[in-house]
Amino acid sequence: MSDVLLVDLFVEDRAHEEFLRPLVERVAKEEDVEVKVRVRSARGGHGRAIEEYKTYQKLIEKGAILEATPDVVVVAVDGNCTTFAKKRQEIMEATLPCLQGRVIAACPDPHVERWYLADPDSFNKVVGHCPVLGGKKCTRGHYKELLASAVSKAGHPPTLGGIEFARDIVEKMDWFVAGKNDTSLKAFLDDLRAHLRQLKQHNGTLK
């Protein structure tokens, strides 16, 4: 294993990609780990992400992928108001032996836009409007609309519905506050941090 850890992302859509890439990079920096993030799937929704994840693993097993095998694989699918444990189990059941022990499940519940809003004060500093997160709501599109509305109320043009602020939001976010407001985000942060620490320790023993 090299000093640079390879992290592959399998995500549902651009909202996941734009949020998770800087999140992984920030946590890695905090853990004093250098990472290279490669996006493997970022379009087509839940089913497409899982199918591309399965296909990618089969290609690895056949030796058809010449690139280095990733040290970490983040598979992100929205929770859609099922439990984090059930979504994580779905991802792990789709994992073949070639990637066992490398996979981290990211399951925003119910949708990734709630993660964007998880720390309202930091969001306000970046966007210019403080959203009211409220209790978890499973209505489809609720958090997407809440995110877009917050951006509009701050006076920004409705271009990408808020995901254009993803990197800045992640950089300013208070992990403690965000994790307290959203347990699915805390679960992912805890898993990612623990995995990076384990890899860092292992890498150190190889030097």
C-alpha atoms as a PDB file:
ATOM      1  CA  MET A   1       0.000   0.000   0.000  1.00  0.00           C
ATOM      2  CA  SER A   2       1.349   3.401  -0.983  1.00  0.00           C
ATOM      3  CA  ASP A   3       1.331   6.524   1.151  1.00  0.00           C
ATOM      4  CA  VAL A   4      -1.587   7.848  -0.924  1.00  0.00           C
ATOM      5  CA  LEU A   5      -4.802   5.999  -0.195  1.00  0.00           C
ATOM      6  CA  LEU A   6      -7.120   5.388  -3.119  1.00  0.00           C
ATOM      7  CA  VAL A   7     -10.786   6.055  -2.368  1.00  0.00           C
ATOM      8  CA  ASP A   8     -13.447   5.030  -4.891  1.00  0.00           C
ATOM      9  CA  LEU A   9     -16.928   6.582  -4.755  1.00  0.00           C
ATOM     10  CA  PHE A  10     -20.080   4.860  -5.936  1.00  0.00           C
ATOM     11  CA  VAL A  11     -22.916   7.347  -5.532  1.00  0.00           C
ATOM     12  CA  GLU A  12     -26.460   7.904  -6.744  1.00  0.00           C
ATOM     13  CA  ASP A  13     -26.148  11.342  -8.270  1.00  0.00           C
ATOM     14  CA  ARG A  14     -24.260  14.603  -8.434  1.00  0.00           C
ATOM     15  CA  ALA A  15     -25.597  15.811  -5.076  1.00  0.00           C
ATOM     16  CA  HIS A  16     -23.878  12.837  -3.431  1.00  0.00           C
ATOM     17  CA  GLU A  17     -20.688  13.298  -5.422  1.00  0.00           C
ATOM     18  CA  GLU A  18     -20.326  17.022  -4.736  1.00  0.00           C
ATOM     19  CA  PHE A  19     -20.827  16.530  -0.991  1.00  0.00           C
ATOM     20  CA  LEU A  20     -18.937  13.295  -0.364  1.00  0.00           C
ATOM     21  CA  ARG A  21     -15.760  14.066  -2.284  1.00  0.00           C
ATOM     22  CA  PRO A  22     -14.825  17.117  -0.160  1.00  0.00           C
ATOM     23  CA  LEU A  23     -16.090  15.357   2.972  1.00  0.00           C
ATOM     24  CA  VAL A  24     -13.716  12.431   2.425  1.00  0.00           C
ATOM     25  CA  GLU A  25     -10.884  14.825   1.614  1.00  0.00           C
ATOM     26  CA  ARG A  26     -11.498  16.919   4.734  1.00  0.00           C
ATOM     27  CA  VAL A  27     -11.690  13.950   7.107  1.00  0.00           C
ATOM     28  CA  ALA A  28      -8.549  12.483   5.542  1.00  0.00           C
ATOM     29  CA  LYS A  29      -6.727  15.778   6.058  1.00  0.00           C
ATOM     30  CA  GLU A  30      -7.836  15.871   9.691  1.00  0.00           C
ATOM     31  CA  GLU A  31      -6.443  12.363  10.105  1.00  0.00           C
ATOM     32  CA  ASP A  32      -3.195  13.373   8.371  1.00  0.00           C
ATOM     33  CA  VAL A  33      -3.828  10.939   5.526  1.00  0.00           C
ATOM     34  CA  GLU A  34      -3.347  11.722   1.840  1.00  0.00           C
ATOM     35  CA  VAL A  35      -6.102  10.415  -0.407  1.00  0.00           C
ATOM     36  CA  LYS A  36      -6.948  10.318  -4.083  1.00  0.00           C
ATOM     37  CA  VAL A  37     -10.699  10.191  -4.680  1.00  0.00           C
ATOM     38  CA  ARG A  38     -11.969   8.494  -7.845  1.00  0.00           C
ATOM     39  CA  VAL A  39     -15.660   8.757  -8.738  1.00  0.00           C
ATOM     40  CA  ARG A  40     -16.851   5.485 -10.251  1.00  0.00           C
ATOM     41  CA  SER A  41     -20.589   6.093 -10.468  1.00  0.00           C
ATOM     42  CA  ALA A  42     -22.433   9.382 -10.050  1.00  0.00           C
ATOM     43  CA  ARG A  43     -25.585   9.187 -12.138  1.00  0.00           C
ATOM     44  CA  GLY A  44     -28.734   7.124 -12.394  1.00  0.00           C
ATOM     45  CA  GLY A  45     -29.961   6.699  -8.842  1.00  0.00           C
ATOM     46  CA  HIS A  46     -29.804   3.935  -6.261  1.00  0.00           C
ATOM     47  CA  GLY A  47     -30.201   0.942  -8.572  1.00  0.00           C
ATOM     48  CA  ARG A  48     -27.599   2.172 -11.039  1.00  0.00           C
ATOM     49  CA  ALA A  49     -25.037   2.837  -8.287  1.00  0.00           C
ATOM     50  CA  ILE A  50     -25.407  -0.659  -6.838  1.00  0.00           C
ATOM     51  CA  GLU A  51     -25.308  -2.334 -10.262  1.00  0.00           C
ATOM     52  CA  GLU A  52     -22.172  -0.457 -11.302  1.00  0.00           C
ATOM     53  CA  TYR A  53     -20.624  -1.350  -7.949  1.00  0.00           C
ATOM     54  CA  LYS A  54     -21.326  -5.045  -8.591  1.00  0.00           C
ATOM     55  CA  THR A  55     -19.994  -4.870 -12.152  1.00  0.00           C
ATOM     56  CA  TYR A  56     -16.830  -3.114 -11.006  1.00  0.00           C
ATOM     57  CA  GLN A  57     -16.119  -5.854  -8.481  1.00  0.00           C
ATOM     58  CA  LYS A  58     -16.573  -8.588 -11.076  1.00  0.00           C
ATOM     59  CA  LEU A  59     -14.071  -6.816 -13.330  1.00  0.00           C
ATOM     60  CA  ILE A  60     -11.595  -6.642 -10.456  1.00  0.00           C
ATOM     61  CA  GLU A  61     -11.970 -10.360  -9.816  1.00  0.00           C
ATOM     62  CA  LYS A  62     -11.368 -11.105 -13.506  1.00  0.00           C
ATOM     63  CA  GLY A  63      -8.280  -8.891 -13.532  1.00  0.00           C
ATOM     64  CA  ALA A  64      -9.870  -6.718 -16.208  1.00  0.00           C
ATOM     65  CA  ILE A  65      -9.117  -3.442 -14.377  1.00  0.00           C
ATOM     66  CA  LEU A  66      -5.495  -2.386 -14.656  1.00  0.00           C
ATOM     67  CA  GLU A  67      -5.751   0.399 -12.068  1.00  0.00           C
ATOM     68  CA  ALA A  68      -4.753  -0.258  -8.477  1.00  0.00           C
ATOM     69  CA  THR A  69      -7.423  -1.752  -6.230  1.00  0.00           C
ATOM     70  CA  PRO A  70      -8.861   0.960  -3.950  1.00  0.00           C
ATOM     71  CA  ASP A  71      -7.934   1.078  -0.271  1.00  0.00           C
ATOM     72  CA  VAL A  72     -11.389   2.434   0.581  1.00  0.00           C
ATOM     73  CA  VAL A  73     -14.692   2.166  -1.274  1.00  0.00           C
ATOM     74  CA  VAL A  74     -17.536   4.487  -0.313  1.00  0.00           C
ATOM     75  CA  VAL A  75     -20.923   3.312  -1.537  1.00  0.00           C
ATOM     76  CA  ALA A  76     -23.598   5.952  -1.057  1.00  0.00           C
ATOM     77  CA  VAL A  77     -27.334   5.398  -1.387  1.00  0.00           C
ATOM     78  CA  ASP A  78     -30.141   7.391   0.193  1.00  0.00           C
ATOM     79  CA  GLY A  79     -31.803   5.766   3.174  1.00  0.00           C
ATOM     80  CA  ASN A  80     -35.335   6.698   2.078  1.00  0.00           C
ATOM     81  CA  CYS A  81     -36.472   6.345   5.690  1.00  0.00           C
ATOM     82  CA  THR A  82     -35.346   2.751   6.141  1.00  0.00           C
ATOM     83  CA  THR A  83     -32.817   2.176   8.903  1.00  0.00           C
ATOM     84  CA  PHE A  84     -29.125   2.810   8.384  1.00  0.00           C
ATOM     85  CA  ALA A  85     -28.468  -0.801   9.358  1.00  0.00           C
ATOM     86  CA  LYS A  86     -30.743  -2.147   6.602  1.00  0.00           C
ATOM     87  CA  LYS A  87     -29.167   0.038   3.902  1.00  0.00           C
ATOM     88  CA  ARG A  88     -25.691  -0.851   5.119  1.00  0.00           C
ATOM     89  CA  GLN A  89     -26.624  -4.533   5.009  1.00  0.00           C
ATOM     90  CA  GLU A  90     -27.815  -4.142   1.401  1.00  0.00           C
ATOM     91  CA  ILE A  91     -24.438  -2.685   0.438  1.00  0.00           C
ATOM     92  CA  MET A  92     -22.464  -5.320   2.306  1.00  0.00           C
ATOM     93  CA  GLU A  93     -24.495  -8.113   0.718  1.00  0.00           C
ATOM     94  CA  ALA A  94     -23.550  -6.697  -2.681  1.00  0.00           C
ATOM     95  CA  THR A  95     -19.844  -6.740  -1.744  1.00  0.00           C
ATOM     96  CA  LEU A  96     -17.680  -9.516  -3.171  1.00  0.00           C
ATOM     97  CA  PRO A  97     -14.607 -10.995  -1.413  1.00  0.00           C
ATOM     98  CA  CYS A  98     -12.217  -8.801  -3.436  1.00  0.00           C
ATOM     99  CA  LEU A  99     -13.401  -5.698  -1.565  1.00  0.00           C
ATOM    100  CA  GLN A 100     -14.244  -7.173   1.823  1.00  0.00           C
ATOM    101  CA  GLY A 101     -12.974  -4.940   4.614  1.00  0.00           C
ATOM    102  CA  ARG A 102     -12.585  -1.917   2.331  1.00  0.00           C
ATOM    103  CA  VAL A 103     -16.198  -0.768   2.039  1.00  0.00           C
ATOM    104  CA  ILE A 104     -17.897   2.044   3.955  1.00  0.00           C
ATOM    105  CA  ALA A 105     -21.617   2.650   3.583  1.00  0.00           C
ATOM    106  CA  ALA A 106     -22.903   6.210   3.310  1.00  0.00           C
ATOM    107  CA  CYS A 107     -26.669   6.182   3.743  1.00  0.00           C
ATOM    108  CA  PRO A 108     -28.145   9.687   4.144  1.00  0.00           C
ATOM    109  CA  ASP A 109     -31.533   9.281   5.744  1.00  0.00           C
ATOM    110  CA  PRO A 110     -33.830  10.035   4.115  1.00  0.00           C
ATOM    111  CA  HIS A 111     -31.914  11.965   1.409  1.00  0.00           C
ATOM    112  CA  VAL A 112     -28.453  13.482   0.973  1.00  0.00           C
ATOM    113  CA  GLU A 113     -29.777  17.064   0.886  1.00  0.00           C
ATOM    114  CA  ARG A 114     -30.436  16.713   4.616  1.00  0.00           C
ATOM    115  CA  TRP A 115     -26.682  16.322   5.120  1.00  0.00           C
ATOM    116  CA  TYR A 116     -26.139  19.669   3.379  1.00  0.00           C
ATOM    117  CA  LEU A 117     -28.431  21.270   5.970  1.00  0.00           C
ATOM    118  CA  ALA A 118     -27.242  19.353   9.040  1.00  0.00           C
ATOM    119  CA  ASP A 119     -25.343  22.323  10.526  1.00  0.00           C
ATOM    120  CA  PRO A 120     -27.660  25.326   9.942  1.00  0.00           C
ATOM    121  CA  ASP A 121     -25.277  27.936  11.423  1.00  0.00           C
ATOM    122  CA  SER A 122     -22.376  26.943   9.187  1.00  0.00           C
ATOM    123  CA  PHE A 123     -24.740  26.695   6.239  1.00  0.00           C
ATOM    124  CA  ASN A 124     -25.841  30.255   6.975  1.00  0.00           C
ATOM    125  CA  LYS A 125     -22.225  31.471   6.971  1.00  0.00           C
ATOM    126  CA  VAL A 126     -21.680  29.974   3.520  1.00  0.00           C
ATOM    127  CA  VAL A 127     -25.007  30.566   1.805  1.00  0.00           C
ATOM    128  CA  GLY A 128     -26.465  33.498   3.710  1.00  0.00           C
ATOM    129  CA  HIS A 129     -29.678  31.961   5.018  1.00  0.00           C
ATOM    130  CA  CYS A 130     -30.309  29.789   8.071  1.00  0.00           C
ATOM    131  CA  PRO A 131     -32.611  26.874   7.211  1.00  0.00           C
ATOM    132  CA  VAL A 132     -34.923  25.260   9.743  1.00  0.00           C
ATOM    133  CA  LEU A 133     -34.077  21.577   9.606  1.00  0.00           C
ATOM    134  CA  GLY A 134     -36.908  20.333  11.799  1.00  0.00           C
ATOM    135  CA  GLY A 135     -37.722  16.712  12.459  1.00  0.00           C
ATOM    136  CA  LYS A 136     -36.986  14.065   9.856  1.00  0.00           C
ATOM    137  CA  LYS A 137     -39.520  13.988   7.033  1.00  0.00           C
ATOM    138  CA  CYS A 138     -39.765  11.190   4.502  1.00  0.00           C
ATOM    139  CA  THR A 139     -41.661  13.099   1.836  1.00  0.00           C
ATOM    140  CA  ARG A 140     -39.844  12.636  -1.452  1.00  0.00           C
ATOM    141  CA  GLY A 141     -38.083  15.836  -2.496  1.00  0.00           C
ATOM    142  CA  HIS A 142     -38.649  17.593   0.842  1.00  0.00           C
ATOM    143  CA  TYR A 143     -34.985  18.257   1.610  1.00  0.00           C
ATOM    144  CA  LYS A 144     -34.125  19.001  -2.003  1.00  0.00           C
ATOM    145  CA  GLU A 145     -36.807  21.685  -1.954  1.00  0.00           C
ATOM    146  CA  LEU A 146     -35.655  22.946   1.457  1.00  0.00           C
ATOM    147  CA  LEU A 147     -32.077  23.258   0.191  1.00  0.00           C
ATOM    148  CA  ALA A 148     -33.110  25.030  -3.003  1.00  0.00           C
ATOM    149  CA  SER A 149     -35.416  27.336  -1.046  1.00  0.00           C
ATOM    150  CA  ALA A 150     -32.629  28.310   1.374  1.00  0.00           C
ATOM    151  CA  VAL A 151     -30.362  29.210  -1.530  1.00  0.00           C
ATOM    152  CA  SER A 152     -33.121  31.237  -3.191  1.00  0.00           C
ATOM    153  CA  LYS A 153     -33.963  33.093   0.036  1.00  0.00           C
ATOM    154  CA  ALA A 154     -30.297  34.035   0.358  1.00  0.00           C
ATOM    155  CA  GLY A 155     -30.556  35.810  -2.991  1.00  0.00           C
ATOM    156  CA  HIS A 156     -28.624  33.355  -5.137  1.00  0.00           C
ATOM    157  CA  PRO A 157     -29.794  32.397  -8.629  1.00  0.00           C
ATOM    158  CA  PRO A 158     -31.474  28.965  -8.805  1.00  0.00           C
ATOM    159  CA  THR A 159     -28.726  27.210 -10.753  1.00  0.00           C
ATOM    160  CA  LEU A 160     -27.944  23.819  -9.200  1.00  0.00           C
ATOM    161  CA  GLY A 161     -30.336  23.950  -6.267  1.00  0.00           C
ATOM    162  CA  GLY A 162     -27.600  24.367  -3.677  1.00  0.00           C
ATOM    163  CA  ILE A 163     -25.171  21.605  -4.551  1.00  0.00           C
ATOM    164  CA  GLU A 164     -22.855  24.236  -6.033  1.00  0.00           C
ATOM    165  CA  PHE A 165     -22.112  25.240  -2.420  1.00  0.00           C
ATOM    166  CA  ALA A 166     -21.252  21.689  -1.348  1.00  0.00           C
ATOM    167  CA  ARG A 167     -17.499  22.074  -0.941  1.00  0.00           C
ATOM    168  CA  ASP A 168     -17.785  25.321   1.034  1.00  0.00           C
ATOM    169  CA  ILE A 169     -20.539  23.859   3.217  1.00  0.00           C
ATOM    170  CA  VAL A 170     -18.407  20.806   4.006  1.00  0.00           C
ATOM    171  CA  GLU A 171     -15.359  22.944   4.786  1.00  0.00           C
ATOM    172  CA  LYS A 172     -17.287  25.057   7.317  1.00  0.00           C
ATOM    173  CA  MET A 173     -19.414  22.306   8.827  1.00  0.00           C
ATOM    174  CA  ASP A 174     -19.127  21.567  12.546  1.00  0.00           C
ATOM    175  CA  TRP A 175     -19.004  17.759  12.651  1.00  0.00           C
ATOM    176  CA  PHE A 176     -20.329  17.566  16.208  1.00  0.00           C
ATOM    177  CA  VAL A 177     -23.369  19.726  15.481  1.00  0.00           C
ATOM    178  CA  ALA A 178     -24.057  18.033  12.144  1.00  0.00           C
ATOM    179  CA  GLY A 179     -23.717  14.565  13.635  1.00  0.00           C
ATOM    180  CA  LYS A 180     -26.013  15.449  16.519  1.00  0.00           C
ATOM    181  CA  ASN A 181     -28.642  16.681  14.068  1.00  0.00           C
ATOM    182  CA  ASP A 182     -28.291  13.721  11.712  1.00  0.00           C
ATOM    183  CA  THR A 183     -27.366  10.294  13.040  1.00  0.00           C
ATOM    184  CA  SER A 184     -26.845   8.812   9.565  1.00  0.00           C
ATOM    185  CA  LEU A 185     -24.151  11.431   8.889  1.00  0.00           C
ATOM    186  CA  LYS A 186     -22.502  10.725  12.245  1.00  0.00           C
ATOM    187  CA  ALA A 187     -22.468   6.996  11.498  1.00  0.00           C
ATOM    188  CA  PHE A 188     -20.684   7.573   8.197  1.00  0.00           C
ATOM    189  CA  LEU A 189     -18.183  10.033   9.683  1.00  0.00           C
ATOM    190  CA  ASP A 190     -17.356   7.634  12.507  1.00  0.00           C
ATOM    191  CA  ASP A 191     -16.896   4.688  10.131  1.00  0.00           C
ATOM    192  CA  LEU A 192     -14.758   6.698   7.704  1.00  0.00           C
ATOM    193  CA  ARG A 193     -12.532   8.124  10.422  1.00  0.00           C
ATOM    194  CA  ALA A 194     -12.019   4.716  12.054  1.00  0.00           C
ATOM    195  CA  HIS A 195     -11.181   3.111   8.707  1.00  0.00           C
ATOM    196  CA  LEU A 196      -8.650   5.787   7.788  1.00  0.00           C
ATOM    197  CA  ARG A 197      -6.982   5.495  11.188  1.00  0.00           C
ATOM    198  CA  GLN A 198      -6.707   1.742  10.775  1.00  0.00           C
ATOM    199  CA  LEU A 199      -5.165   2.091   7.314  1.00  0.00           C
ATOM    200  CA  LYS A 200      -2.777   4.788   8.522  1.00  0.00           C
ATOM    201  CA  GLN A 201      -1.611   2.577  11.366  1.00  0.00           C
ATOM    202  CA  HIS A 202      -1.166  -0.371   9.024  1.00  0.00           C
ATOM    203  CA  ASN A 203       0.662   1.750   6.484  1.00  0.00           C
ATOM    204  CA  GLY A 204       3.010   2.956   9.197  1.00  0.00           C
ATOM    205  CA  THR A 205       3.962  -0.607  10.087  1.00  0.00           C
ATOM    206  CA  LEU A 206       4.972  -1.224   6.465  1.00  0.00           C
ATOM    207  CA  LYS A 207       7.531   1.585   6.335  1.00  0.00           C
END
